[in-house]
Amino acid sequence: MVEGRVGRLFVAVPLPDEIRMALADRLETVVVPGKAVRPENWHITLRFLGATDQVAYERFLAELDGAGLGSEFAVGLGEMGAFPRPRGATVTWLAVNDGRERLEELADHAEEAAQTAGFAPEDRPFRAHLTLSRVRPPEDVSRLVEEFPALDLRWRCRSIVVYRSQPGRGGVRYEPLETFPLGG
C-alpha cells in the first residue's frame, strides 16, 4: 500500500452472523446469475468512499464520530430486485423493508461527513439494499425477481462500520477498520 493511503473504503451496516447464515440457507437453492457476493461480504452500504488517504480518512472519522447517529433500530430484508431494472440487470439485490428511513438518515450522516472531509458528493441517490450478485453482461432476471419469495429476516442494527476492500486470491475481503455504535 502507498504510504499515506488507507485504501478503498466504504461505510456500511453489517449483518449479524445468524442473519448471514439464515440468508445463505434461504438462497442455497436459488440460482442467482452473475458473480455472487460471498456471504461473509454481505452488508448494506451507506456511502462508498473509494481510494482514501490518511488525512481524508481521519477527517471522515472525526465528522462521523460527531454526527449524532441516533439509536439502534430494526432492519428487515424482503423481496429481490435488480439494478438498473430486472430486464437488463447488472446487479441483483434484496430490498430493505424495515428500517429504510433510519438507513437513509445514516446515509445522510455519512454523506455529510464525506463531503466535509473533502470527498466529492455522491452522484446517485441512496437506495437501501443488500447486493447479491454483479451481472456482466446484463441479463434478464424478471422471472427470478417475480418468483423469489419475500424474506422476513430481521435484526437490530446496533452499529455502522468503516470497511477497507482487500483484494486477494480468493476474491475481495472486507476488513473492518472502525465501528460506530448506535445508542441503545
Protein backbone atom coordinates (compact mmCIF):
# COMPACT_ATOMS: atom_id res chain seq x y z
CA MET A 1 0.00 0.00 0.00
CA VAL A 2 1.25 3.50 -0.85
CA GLU A 3 2.37 5.49 2.19
CA GLY A 4 -0.40 7.81 3.34
CA ARG A 5 -3.05 5.66 1.64
CA VAL A 6 -5.61 3.84 3.74
CA GLY A 7 -7.17 2.00 0.78
CA ARG A 8 -10.57 1.68 -0.91
CA LEU A 9 -13.12 2.39 1.81
CA PHE A 10 -16.85 2.35 2.40
CA VAL A 11 -19.17 2.68 5.39
CA ALA A 12 -21.93 0.11 5.87
CA VAL A 13 -24.33 -1.70 8.15
CA PRO A 14 -23.01 -5.20 8.90
CA LEU A 15 -25.23 -8.28 9.06
CA PRO A 16 -25.16 -10.35 12.26
CA ASP A 17 -23.80 -13.87 11.76
CA GLU A 18 -27.19 -15.51 12.45
CA ILE A 19 -28.84 -13.41 9.70
CA ARG A 20 -25.95 -14.13 7.33
CA MET A 21 -26.35 -17.89 7.93
CA ALA A 22 -30.16 -17.78 7.61
CA LEU A 23 -29.91 -15.84 4.34
CA ALA A 24 -27.28 -18.21 2.95
CA ASP A 25 -29.61 -21.13 3.78
CA ARG A 26 -32.58 -19.44 2.04
CA LEU A 27 -30.51 -18.71 -1.07
CA GLU A 28 -28.96 -22.18 -1.28
CA THR A 29 -31.49 -23.44 -3.84
CA VAL A 30 -31.83 -20.15 -5.77
CA VAL A 31 -29.79 -19.69 -8.94
CA VAL A 32 -28.78 -16.03 -8.94
CA PRO A 33 -26.94 -15.07 -12.17
CA GLY A 34 -23.62 -13.29 -12.26
CA LYS A 35 -20.76 -13.16 -9.80
CA ALA A 36 -22.26 -13.77 -6.37
CA VAL A 37 -21.19 -11.70 -3.38
CA ARG A 38 -19.83 -14.10 -0.78
CA PRO A 39 -21.95 -14.28 2.40
CA GLU A 40 -19.06 -13.01 4.55
CA ASN A 41 -19.11 -9.82 2.43
CA TRP A 42 -22.86 -9.10 2.72
CA HIS A 43 -23.64 -5.65 4.10
CA ILE A 44 -25.81 -2.59 3.41
CA THR A 45 -23.61 0.17 2.00
CA LEU A 46 -24.30 3.66 3.33
CA ARG A 47 -21.52 5.50 1.45
CA PHE A 48 -18.69 4.37 -0.81
CA LEU A 49 -15.57 6.50 -0.30
CA GLY A 50 -13.15 4.89 -2.74
CA ALA A 51 -9.37 5.29 -2.61
CA THR A 52 -8.69 7.29 0.53
CA ASP A 53 -5.59 8.86 2.04
CA GLN A 54 -4.86 9.03 5.77
CA VAL A 55 -5.81 12.71 6.19
CA ALA A 56 -9.21 12.36 4.47
CA TYR A 57 -9.85 9.15 6.41
CA GLU A 58 -9.16 10.80 9.76
CA ARG A 59 -11.34 13.79 8.85
CA PHE A 60 -14.15 11.46 7.81
CA LEU A 61 -13.91 9.50 11.08
CA ALA A 62 -13.96 12.71 13.14
CA GLU A 63 -17.02 14.00 11.27
CA LEU A 64 -18.87 10.70 11.55
CA ASP A 65 -17.97 10.44 15.25
CA GLY A 66 -19.62 13.80 15.91
CA ALA A 67 -22.65 13.15 13.72
CA GLY A 68 -25.16 12.03 16.37
CA LEU A 69 -26.05 8.75 14.67
CA GLY A 70 -29.07 8.02 16.86
CA SER A 71 -30.43 4.85 18.39
CA GLU A 72 -30.29 1.25 17.27
CA PHE A 73 -33.23 0.13 15.14
CA ALA A 74 -34.82 -2.86 13.41
CA VAL A 75 -33.79 -3.80 9.87
CA GLY A 76 -35.69 -6.29 7.74
CA LEU A 77 -34.90 -7.78 4.34
CA GLY A 78 -37.65 -8.59 1.86
CA GLU A 79 -38.07 -9.11 -1.86
CA MET A 80 -35.48 -9.38 -4.61
CA GLY A 81 -34.83 -6.63 -7.13
CA ALA A 82 -32.32 -5.62 -9.78
CA PHE A 83 -30.45 -2.53 -10.92
CA PRO A 84 -30.98 -0.78 -13.22
CA ARG A 85 -34.07 -2.90 -13.99
CA PRO A 86 -34.93 -6.64 -13.98
CA ARG A 87 -34.96 -6.97 -17.81
CA GLY A 88 -31.36 -5.71 -18.08
CA ALA A 89 -29.91 -6.43 -14.64
CA THR A 90 -26.30 -5.63 -13.78
CA VAL A 91 -26.90 -6.12 -10.03
CA THR A 92 -29.30 -8.36 -8.12
CA TRP A 93 -30.22 -7.31 -4.59
CA LEU A 94 -32.54 -7.75 -1.65
CA ALA A 95 -34.75 -4.86 -0.61
CA VAL A 96 -34.74 -3.40 2.87
CA ASN A 97 -38.37 -3.33 4.01
CA ASP A 98 -37.91 -2.32 7.66
CA GLY A 99 -35.55 0.40 8.81
CA ARG A 100 -35.25 2.10 5.44
CA GLU A 101 -35.85 5.59 6.86
CA ARG A 102 -33.17 5.17 9.54
CA LEU A 103 -30.75 3.80 6.94
CA GLU A 104 -31.43 6.90 4.83
CA GLU A 105 -30.63 9.07 7.87
CA LEU A 106 -27.36 7.19 8.44
CA ALA A 107 -26.51 7.51 4.75
CA ASP A 108 -27.16 11.26 5.00
CA HIS A 109 -24.80 11.48 8.01
CA ALA A 110 -22.16 9.51 6.08
CA GLU A 111 -22.62 11.73 3.01
CA GLU A 112 -22.27 14.91 5.06
CA ALA A 113 -19.18 13.55 6.83
CA ALA A 114 -17.67 12.53 3.48
CA GLN A 115 -18.23 15.92 1.86
CA THR A 116 -16.92 17.78 4.92
CA ALA A 117 -13.82 15.54 4.80
CA GLY A 118 -13.24 16.56 1.17
CA PHE A 119 -14.87 13.74 -0.81
CA ALA A 120 -16.92 14.59 -3.90
CA PRO A 121 -20.69 14.38 -3.46
CA GLU A 122 -22.29 11.02 -4.23
CA ASP A 123 -23.79 11.15 -7.73
CA ARG A 124 -26.52 8.55 -7.15
CA PRO A 125 -29.39 8.71 -4.67
CA PHE A 126 -29.17 6.30 -1.73
CA ARG A 127 -31.28 3.13 -2.05
CA ALA A 128 -31.07 0.74 0.88
CA HIS A 129 -30.33 -2.77 -0.42
CA LEU A 130 -28.11 -5.81 0.05
CA THR A 131 -26.21 -6.74 -3.11
CA LEU A 132 -26.40 -10.45 -4.02
CA SER A 133 -24.54 -10.51 -7.35
CA ARG A 134 -22.99 -8.44 -10.12
CA VAL A 135 -24.15 -9.47 -13.58
CA ARG A 136 -21.87 -8.90 -16.60
CA PRO A 137 -23.08 -8.74 -19.32
CA PRO A 138 -26.56 -7.57 -18.25
CA GLU A 139 -29.20 -10.27 -18.07
CA ASP A 140 -33.00 -10.52 -17.84
CA VAL A 141 -33.82 -11.59 -14.27
CA SER A 142 -37.52 -10.66 -14.40
CA ARG A 143 -38.72 -14.19 -13.72
CA LEU A 144 -36.33 -14.66 -10.78
CA VAL A 145 -37.41 -11.34 -9.24
CA GLU A 146 -41.11 -12.15 -9.70
CA GLU A 147 -40.87 -15.70 -8.34
CA PHE A 148 -38.48 -15.07 -5.46
CA PRO A 149 -40.36 -15.48 -2.18
CA ALA A 150 -40.18 -12.38 0.01
CA LEU A 151 -37.94 -12.91 3.00
CA ASP A 152 -38.70 -11.97 6.55
CA LEU A 153 -35.20 -11.70 8.03
CA ARG A 154 -34.93 -9.09 10.79
CA TRP A 155 -32.24 -7.88 13.16
CA ARG A 156 -31.29 -4.90 15.32
CA CYS A 157 -28.82 -2.53 13.69
CA ARG A 158 -26.51 -1.64 16.57
CA SER A 159 -23.57 -0.12 14.69
CA ILE A 160 -22.13 1.07 11.40
CA VAL A 161 -18.67 0.07 10.23
CA VAL A 162 -15.99 1.60 8.02
CA TYR A 163 -14.50 -1.17 5.85
CA ARG A 164 -11.45 -1.46 3.62
CA SER A 165 -11.66 -3.59 0.45
CA GLN A 166 -8.76 -6.03 0.43
CA PRO A 167 -8.22 -7.78 -2.92
CA GLY A 168 -6.80 -11.28 -2.66
CA ARG A 169 -6.56 -14.68 -4.31
CA GLY A 170 -9.97 -15.80 -3.07
CA GLY A 171 -11.61 -12.54 -4.11
CA VAL A 172 -12.21 -9.31 -2.27
CA ARG A 173 -12.33 -9.37 1.53
CA TYR A 174 -13.79 -6.54 3.59
CA GLU A 175 -11.70 -5.59 6.60
CA PRO A 176 -13.48 -3.65 9.36
CA LEU A 177 -11.41 -0.59 10.34
CA GLU A 178 -13.69 1.39 12.63
CA THR A 179 -17.04 0.69 14.32
CA PHE A 180 -19.51 3.38 15.40
CA PRO A 181 -22.05 2.02 17.88
CA LEU A 182 -25.60 3.36 17.84
CA GLY A 183 -27.37 4.34 21.05
CA GLY A 184 -29.38 1.72 22.94
